[in-house]
Amino acid sequence: MLEHLCYCTNIHPAESWEETLAALKKHSLTVRDKVLAATRNHEASYPIGLRLSARAAQELLKGENLADFKYWLYSESLYVYTINGFPYGAFHNTRVKENVYKPDWTTIERLTYTTDLISIIAELAPKSIGGSVSTLPGSFKEFDADETKIFANLYATARLLETLSHLHEKDLHLGLEPEPLGHFENTEETLDFFERFDTWATSKNLPLGIIYRRIGINYDTCHFALQYEDADIALKKLTQAGLRISKVHLSNALELDLESNNLKLIQKFNEPTYLHQVIIQDEKQNITKHKDIQDALSPDHRSLITDHARSARIHFHIPLHAEPESPFSSTIQHTIDTLRYLTDNPGTCSHLEMETYTWGVLPAELQAPIEDQLTAEHLWVLETAENAYLT
């Protein structure tokens, strides 16, 4: 049922183009062989969800690197229809945390980086599929970003996407990815952001069409589940408002039932690399947000957590095919509901990407060789989507 499904290669540590290509040759080819063998579909082309740092993107555009890469893809029966352009720089083995939002969309550095990625996907994406690039939701709330600068840079990006779409005869688009504590983070804030974007463009007598054709949403199932949103309602609201679902990230968040007042158990997942926002819901469905695990556990924040707290959802990606040990669970139902929605509404989005990037920091009981993990996730999505189609 799924025409195009890939895993995001942001899981493989690589900052230069040489390191990126080496990781693709080492890991992606192995995963491809395992998936195609399991599905008994040895003749099929296999998609790659490319992640390029700013450095790797610049290097790929030099000399014959892009032409050589295109030939390698062709020779291995691989293709690329999407690029993850959220993390600008180092994404592994260092403190990433809120730095993943830097530089944000108020800066020329973010605009230049994304322009490079768009130039690359314009060359790589098959005409029949088109190409997408995903990016951060403008900025991070703590940065108090100047929205007019965000709008100006995004509009310039939309114009480039429009030009290259016509030049290459491909449907090219950018997906802004709402995330807890991002500049906009849930359905309502996303709709409000685009309404302000629309107002800004109108005030400058700029055509609105290219915004909605070329700038859309990267719908991450982990992020929307963290906000306790319903997938059907969220996707319906976004699409009915005229927003494009550029890409869907299939990912899964950690959940803990707080009936026993056991929030301290999340300390097990407190690691120094990534930002792990904690969203707590009480019995009246009110939510309290904490920037990171250590914030939620601090004395100051503990006072904000009432006796009526019922559950905590933690931005820690859990494999799609595996549940953590009790008393933890996951938000996998949101991913299942999203796959069912896409089955029932096939025109919503055709770019799907699995994005569990936390393999390197998972607890021991969830660890497995990386190629086996990625293969298991791919097969889980195929089976889940098929069940959605049959029902």
Protein backbone atom coordinates (compact mmCIF):
# COMPACT_ATOMS: atom_id res chain seq x y z
CA MET A 1 0.00 0.00 0.00
CA LEU A 2 2.89 2.37 0.81
CA GLU A 3 4.45 3.58 -2.40
CA HIS A 4 7.41 5.39 -0.87
CA LEU A 5 8.84 4.65 2.56
CA CYS A 6 12.39 5.31 3.72
CA TYR A 7 14.35 5.64 6.92
CA CYS A 8 16.13 8.89 7.73
CA THR A 9 19.89 8.55 7.63
CA ASN A 10 20.30 11.10 10.44
CA ILE A 11 20.84 8.03 12.62
CA HIS A 12 24.30 7.54 11.09
CA PRO A 13 26.98 9.89 12.51
CA ALA A 14 28.36 11.83 9.52
CA GLU A 15 29.14 15.49 9.03
CA SER A 16 31.25 15.56 5.84
CA TRP A 17 30.04 14.33 2.46
CA GLU A 18 32.72 11.63 2.50
CA GLU A 19 31.46 10.36 5.86
CA THR A 20 27.85 10.54 4.68
CA LEU A 21 28.49 8.48 1.56
CA ALA A 22 30.50 5.95 3.54
CA ALA A 23 27.58 5.53 5.97
CA LEU A 24 25.14 5.01 3.09
CA LYS A 25 27.38 2.33 1.59
CA LYS A 26 27.88 0.61 4.93
CA HIS A 27 24.39 0.77 6.41
CA SER A 28 21.75 1.70 3.82
CA LEU A 29 22.74 -1.03 1.37
CA THR A 30 22.58 -3.61 4.16
CA VAL A 31 19.15 -2.42 5.29
CA ARG A 32 17.95 -2.44 1.68
CA ASP A 33 19.07 -6.03 1.21
CA LYS A 34 17.42 -7.14 4.45
CA VAL A 35 14.12 -5.39 3.67
CA LEU A 36 13.93 -6.61 0.09
CA ALA A 37 14.79 -10.15 1.17
CA ALA A 38 12.11 -10.11 3.86
CA THR A 39 9.50 -8.78 1.44
CA ARG A 40 10.74 -11.04 -1.37
CA ASN A 41 10.88 -8.07 -3.67
CA HIS A 42 14.47 -8.26 -4.88
CA GLU A 43 13.88 -6.23 -8.04
CA ALA A 44 12.46 -3.14 -6.36
CA SER A 45 14.26 0.17 -6.14
CA TYR A 46 14.96 1.25 -2.56
CA PRO A 47 14.56 4.83 -1.28
CA ILE A 48 16.99 6.71 0.93
CA GLY A 49 15.89 9.48 3.30
CA LEU A 50 18.98 11.64 3.13
CA ARG A 51 20.32 13.74 5.97
CA LEU A 52 22.97 16.28 5.02
CA SER A 53 24.73 18.69 7.36
CA ALA A 54 25.50 22.16 6.01
CA ARG A 55 29.09 21.05 5.44
CA ALA A 56 28.08 17.86 3.62
CA ALA A 57 25.62 19.77 1.41
CA GLN A 58 28.28 22.29 0.40
CA GLU A 59 30.74 19.50 -0.38
CA LEU A 60 28.19 17.50 -2.38
CA LEU A 61 27.62 20.51 -4.64
CA LYS A 62 31.32 20.81 -5.46
CA GLY A 63 32.92 19.42 -8.61
CA GLU A 64 31.52 16.11 -9.82
CA ASN A 65 30.31 14.89 -6.43
CA LEU A 66 26.59 15.25 -7.18
CA ALA A 67 26.91 13.65 -10.62
CA ASP A 68 28.92 10.78 -9.12
CA PHE A 69 26.32 10.33 -6.39
CA LYS A 70 23.50 10.23 -8.92
CA TYR A 71 25.36 7.53 -10.84
CA TRP A 72 25.93 5.53 -7.65
CA LEU A 73 22.22 5.72 -6.80
CA TYR A 74 21.34 4.53 -10.29
CA SER A 75 23.86 1.68 -10.21
CA GLU A 76 22.50 0.44 -6.85
CA SER A 77 18.80 0.85 -7.75
CA LEU A 78 18.40 3.53 -5.08
CA TYR A 79 16.57 6.84 -5.19
CA VAL A 80 16.18 9.92 -2.98
CA TYR A 81 12.93 11.87 -2.65
CA THR A 82 13.46 13.63 0.66
CA ILE A 83 16.17 15.33 2.72
CA ASN A 84 16.12 16.07 6.44
CA GLY A 85 17.32 19.66 6.75
CA PHE A 86 16.48 20.22 10.44
CA PRO A 87 19.93 19.64 12.06
CA TYR A 88 22.38 22.14 10.55
CA GLY A 89 25.57 20.81 12.12
CA ALA A 90 26.82 18.01 14.37
CA PHE A 91 24.00 15.69 15.45
CA HIS A 92 25.83 12.91 17.31
CA ASN A 93 28.44 12.49 20.03
CA THR A 94 28.10 16.08 21.23
CA ARG A 95 25.62 18.24 23.15
CA VAL A 96 22.86 18.98 20.63
CA LYS A 97 19.89 19.95 22.84
CA GLU A 98 18.36 23.33 21.78
CA ASN A 99 21.34 23.96 19.49
CA VAL A 100 19.53 21.83 16.91
CA TYR A 101 17.45 25.00 16.29
CA LYS A 102 20.54 27.06 15.45
CA PRO A 103 20.88 28.79 13.10
CA ASP A 104 17.15 29.45 12.89
CA TRP A 105 15.04 30.89 10.06
CA THR A 106 15.86 34.48 11.00
CA THR A 107 19.40 33.95 9.66
CA ILE A 108 21.02 33.91 6.24
CA GLU A 109 22.91 30.77 7.29
CA ARG A 110 19.67 28.76 7.56
CA LEU A 111 18.43 30.18 4.26
CA THR A 112 21.70 29.34 2.48
CA TYR A 113 21.80 25.81 3.92
CA THR A 114 18.22 25.10 2.87
CA THR A 115 18.88 26.57 -0.59
CA ASP A 116 21.71 24.06 -0.98
CA LEU A 117 19.44 21.21 0.05
CA ILE A 118 16.73 22.31 -2.38
CA SER A 119 19.27 22.50 -5.20
CA ILE A 120 20.32 18.94 -4.37
CA ILE A 121 16.84 17.43 -4.09
CA ALA A 122 15.85 19.15 -7.34
CA GLU A 123 18.53 17.06 -9.04
CA LEU A 124 17.94 13.81 -7.18
CA ALA A 125 14.16 13.43 -6.83
CA PRO A 126 12.35 11.39 -9.49
CA LYS A 127 9.90 13.44 -11.52
CA SER A 128 7.05 11.09 -10.69
CA ILE A 129 7.51 11.60 -6.95
CA GLY A 130 8.87 15.10 -6.51
CA GLY A 131 11.15 16.15 -3.68
CA SER A 132 10.76 17.38 -0.11
CA VAL A 133 13.04 18.99 2.44
CA SER A 134 12.08 19.12 6.11
CA THR A 135 13.20 21.86 8.46
CA LEU A 136 12.64 23.36 11.91
CA PRO A 137 9.44 25.28 12.77
CA GLY A 138 11.05 28.66 12.24
CA SER A 139 12.86 28.86 15.56
CA PHE A 140 12.76 27.87 19.24
CA LYS A 141 10.42 29.66 21.66
CA GLU A 142 13.25 30.68 23.98
CA PHE A 143 14.95 32.53 21.13
CA ASP A 144 12.05 35.02 20.86
CA ALA A 145 12.65 35.15 17.11
CA ASP A 146 11.72 38.05 14.82
CA GLU A 147 8.89 36.56 12.76
CA THR A 148 9.21 39.09 9.96
CA LYS A 149 12.68 37.74 9.23
CA ILE A 150 11.34 34.19 9.28
CA PHE A 151 8.59 35.12 6.83
CA ALA A 152 11.01 36.89 4.49
CA ASN A 153 13.41 33.95 4.37
CA LEU A 154 10.64 31.40 3.95
CA TYR A 155 9.08 33.41 1.15
CA ALA A 156 12.43 33.58 -0.63
CA THR A 157 12.62 29.81 -0.25
CA ALA A 158 9.13 29.38 -1.70
CA ARG A 159 10.15 31.42 -4.74
CA LEU A 160 13.21 29.23 -5.26
CA LEU A 161 11.11 26.08 -4.92
CA GLU A 162 8.62 27.45 -7.46
CA THR A 163 11.38 28.29 -9.94
CA LEU A 164 13.16 24.94 -9.62
CA SER A 165 9.87 23.03 -9.76
CA HIS A 166 9.18 24.51 -13.17
CA LEU A 167 12.78 24.18 -14.35
CA HIS A 168 13.08 20.50 -13.39
CA GLU A 169 9.41 19.67 -13.95
CA LYS A 170 9.21 18.28 -10.42
CA ASP A 171 6.97 19.05 -7.45
CA LEU A 172 9.39 20.44 -4.85
CA HIS A 173 8.34 21.55 -1.36
CA LEU A 174 9.57 22.43 2.13
CA GLY A 175 8.04 21.02 5.32
CA LEU A 176 8.19 22.97 8.58
CA GLU A 177 8.26 20.53 11.50
CA PRO A 178 6.26 21.53 14.61
CA GLU A 179 7.93 20.33 17.80
CA PRO A 180 7.29 20.90 21.52
CA LEU A 181 8.64 24.34 22.48
CA GLY A 182 9.40 25.18 18.87
CA HIS A 183 8.35 28.57 17.50
CA PHE A 184 5.08 26.83 16.70
CA GLU A 185 4.48 23.41 18.17
CA ASN A 186 0.93 22.10 17.77
CA THR A 187 -2.00 22.27 15.37
CA GLU A 188 -3.45 25.56 16.62
CA GLU A 189 -0.09 27.33 16.75
CA THR A 190 0.72 26.04 13.26
CA LEU A 191 -2.52 27.42 11.86
CA ASP A 192 -1.91 30.75 13.60
CA PHE A 193 1.64 30.94 12.22
CA PHE A 194 0.48 30.44 8.65
CA GLU A 195 -2.30 32.98 9.14
CA ARG A 196 0.33 35.53 10.21
CA PHE A 197 2.53 34.49 7.28
CA ASP A 198 -0.43 35.06 4.97
CA THR A 199 -1.07 38.49 6.51
CA TRP A 200 2.60 39.47 6.15
CA ALA A 201 2.68 38.47 2.47
CA THR A 202 -0.61 40.28 1.78
CA SER A 203 0.71 43.46 3.38
CA LYS A 204 3.60 43.39 0.91
CA ASN A 205 1.37 42.59 -2.10
CA LEU A 206 3.13 39.24 -2.57
CA PRO A 207 1.27 36.38 -4.26
CA LEU A 208 0.04 33.86 -1.70
CA GLY A 209 -0.19 30.86 -4.01
CA ILE A 210 3.45 29.87 -3.84
CA ILE A 211 3.34 29.78 -0.03
CA TYR A 212 0.72 27.07 0.00
CA ARG A 213 2.15 25.21 -2.99
CA ARG A 214 5.74 25.12 -1.74
CA ILE A 215 5.71 25.55 2.06
CA GLY A 216 3.91 22.94 4.12
CA ILE A 217 4.11 20.82 7.25
CA ASN A 218 6.40 17.97 8.13
CA TYR A 219 3.99 16.02 10.33
CA ASP A 220 6.03 14.14 12.94
CA THR A 221 3.85 11.59 14.73
CA CYS A 222 6.05 11.68 17.83
CA HIS A 223 5.78 15.47 18.13
CA PHE A 224 2.02 15.63 17.72
CA ALA A 225 1.52 12.70 20.10
CA LEU A 226 3.61 14.52 22.70
CA GLN A 227 1.00 17.31 22.57
CA TYR A 228 -1.76 14.74 23.26
CA GLU A 229 -3.29 15.50 19.87
CA ASP A 230 -5.59 13.20 17.94
CA ALA A 231 -4.07 12.31 14.55
CA ASP A 232 -7.38 12.39 12.65
CA ILE A 233 -8.37 15.76 14.06
CA ALA A 234 -4.94 17.35 13.63
CA LEU A 235 -4.44 16.20 10.04
CA LYS A 236 -7.98 17.17 9.09
CA LYS A 237 -7.61 20.67 10.55
CA LEU A 238 -4.28 21.24 8.83
CA THR A 239 -5.43 20.07 5.42
CA GLN A 240 -8.83 21.78 5.61
CA ALA A 241 -6.98 25.04 6.28
CA GLY A 242 -5.22 24.57 2.95
CA LEU A 243 -1.87 23.55 4.40
CA ARG A 244 0.20 21.01 2.57
CA ILE A 245 1.45 17.90 4.37
CA SER A 246 4.89 17.88 2.81
CA LYS A 247 6.15 14.79 4.60
CA VAL A 248 5.19 12.48 7.44
CA HIS A 249 7.80 11.43 9.98
CA LEU A 250 6.84 8.11 11.50
CA SER A 251 8.25 8.18 15.03
CA ASN A 252 7.30 7.17 18.53
CA ALA A 253 7.57 8.88 21.94
CA LEU A 254 8.02 7.52 25.45
CA GLU A 255 5.07 7.59 27.86
CA LEU A 256 4.78 7.02 31.62
CA ASP A 257 1.59 6.56 33.63
CA LEU A 258 1.80 8.83 36.70
CA GLU A 259 -0.91 7.20 38.81
CA SER A 260 1.82 6.05 41.22
CA ASN A 261 3.56 9.45 41.30
CA ASN A 262 6.63 7.84 39.74
CA LEU A 263 7.91 10.63 37.51
CA LYS A 264 11.44 10.13 38.86
CA LEU A 265 11.67 6.97 36.72
CA ILE A 266 12.29 9.13 33.65
CA GLN A 267 15.77 9.83 35.00
CA LYS A 268 16.74 6.58 33.26
CA PHE A 269 16.33 8.37 29.91
CA ASN A 270 18.14 11.55 30.92
CA GLU A 271 21.13 11.68 28.57
CA PRO A 272 23.28 14.64 27.52
CA THR A 273 22.91 14.68 23.72
CA TYR A 274 19.34 15.49 22.69
CA LEU A 275 16.54 17.69 24.01
CA HIS A 276 13.90 15.53 25.73
CA GLN A 277 10.89 17.75 26.34
CA VAL A 278 8.47 16.40 28.96
CA ILE A 279 4.74 17.08 28.57
CA ILE A 280 2.52 16.19 31.52
CA GLN A 281 -1.27 15.90 31.33
CA ASP A 282 -3.66 16.02 34.28
CA GLU A 283 -7.10 14.48 34.73
CA LYS A 284 -8.73 17.57 33.17
CA GLN A 285 -6.46 17.27 30.10
CA ASN A 286 -4.47 20.37 31.01
CA ILE A 287 -0.83 20.05 30.03
CA THR A 288 2.40 21.32 31.58
CA LYS A 289 5.56 21.55 29.47
CA HIS A 290 9.14 21.12 30.62
CA LYS A 291 12.15 21.84 28.42
CA ASP A 292 14.07 18.70 29.34
CA ILE A 293 14.06 15.72 31.68
CA GLN A 294 16.24 17.41 34.29
CA ASP A 295 13.86 20.39 34.27
CA ALA A 296 10.83 18.20 34.93
CA LEU A 297 12.67 16.58 37.86
CA SER A 298 14.00 19.80 39.38
CA PRO A 299 12.45 21.00 42.68
CA ASP A 300 11.10 24.17 41.03
CA HIS A 301 9.31 22.24 38.30
CA ARG A 302 8.17 19.44 40.60
CA SER A 303 6.01 22.01 42.40
CA LEU A 304 4.15 22.59 39.11
CA ILE A 305 3.20 18.92 38.88
CA THR A 306 0.02 18.39 40.86
CA ASP A 307 -1.42 15.28 42.43
CA HIS A 308 -3.87 15.24 39.52
CA ALA A 309 -1.14 14.48 36.95
CA ARG A 310 -2.05 11.38 34.98
CA SER A 311 0.64 10.83 32.37
CA ALA A 312 3.97 12.11 31.14
CA ARG A 313 5.08 11.98 27.52
CA ILE A 314 8.79 12.37 26.88
CA HIS A 315 10.46 13.41 23.63
CA PHE A 316 12.64 10.34 23.51
CA HIS A 317 12.24 8.35 20.31
CA ILE A 318 11.36 4.71 20.91
CA PRO A 319 11.58 2.13 18.08
CA LEU A 320 8.32 1.80 16.20
CA HIS A 321 8.31 -1.97 16.55
CA ALA A 322 9.26 -2.27 20.23
CA GLU A 323 7.64 -1.19 23.50
CA PRO A 324 9.79 -0.13 26.46
CA GLU A 325 9.65 -2.11 29.71
CA SER A 326 6.76 -1.46 32.12
CA PRO A 327 5.76 0.88 33.68
CA PHE A 328 6.72 2.78 30.52
CA SER A 329 4.75 2.59 27.28
CA SER A 330 4.78 4.61 24.08
CA THR A 331 2.64 6.80 21.83
CA ILE A 332 2.64 4.26 19.00
CA GLN A 333 -1.15 4.51 18.63
CA HIS A 334 -0.73 8.01 17.16
CA THR A 335 1.52 6.55 14.44
CA ILE A 336 -0.97 3.76 13.76
CA ASP A 337 -3.81 6.29 13.56
CA THR A 338 -1.75 8.43 11.16
CA LEU A 339 -1.13 5.45 8.86
CA ARG A 340 -4.85 4.69 8.94
CA TYR A 341 -5.67 8.32 8.09
CA LEU A 342 -3.26 8.27 5.15
CA THR A 343 -4.87 5.04 3.95
CA ASP A 344 -8.34 6.57 4.12
CA ASN A 345 -7.14 9.85 2.58
CA PRO A 346 -4.55 8.76 0.00
CA GLY A 347 -3.99 12.22 -1.45
CA THR A 348 -2.78 13.66 1.86
CA CYS A 349 0.92 12.83 1.58
CA SER A 350 3.10 10.32 -0.28
CA HIS A 351 6.45 11.13 1.36
CA LEU A 352 6.87 8.92 4.43
CA GLU A 353 10.05 8.62 6.47
CA MET A 354 10.87 6.67 9.62
CA GLU A 355 12.86 8.87 11.97
CA THR A 356 14.09 7.12 15.09
CA TYR A 357 17.46 8.81 15.56
CA THR A 358 18.13 7.81 19.18
CA TRP A 359 19.51 4.29 18.61
CA GLY A 360 22.86 5.31 20.10
CA VAL A 361 21.35 6.47 23.41
CA LEU A 362 18.60 3.88 23.92
CA PRO A 363 18.56 1.78 27.13
CA ALA A 364 20.20 -1.63 26.84
CA GLU A 365 16.91 -3.56 26.63
CA LEU A 366 15.98 -1.66 23.44
CA GLN A 367 19.37 -2.01 21.77
CA ALA A 368 20.08 -4.18 18.71
CA PRO A 369 22.43 -3.98 15.72
CA ILE A 370 21.48 -0.85 13.79
CA GLU A 371 20.67 -2.60 10.51
CA ASP A 372 18.39 -5.07 12.33
CA GLN A 373 16.62 -2.21 14.12
CA LEU A 374 16.02 -0.28 10.91
CA THR A 375 14.83 -3.38 9.07
CA ALA A 376 12.41 -4.26 11.86
CA GLU A 377 10.98 -0.74 11.81
CA HIS A 378 10.51 -0.84 8.03
CA LEU A 379 8.72 -4.19 8.18
CA TRP A 380 6.55 -3.02 11.09
CA VAL A 381 5.37 0.00 9.09
CA LEU A 382 4.61 -2.13 6.03
CA GLU A 383 2.60 -4.60 8.10
CA THR A 384 0.76 -1.87 10.02
CA ALA A 385 -0.09 0.00 6.83
CA GLU A 386 -1.31 -3.20 5.19
CA ASN A 387 -3.57 -3.92 8.18
CA ALA A 388 -4.93 -0.38 7.96
CA TYR A 389 -5.65 -0.91 4.28
CA LEU A 390 -7.43 -4.21 4.92
CA THR A 391 -9.62 -2.75 7.63
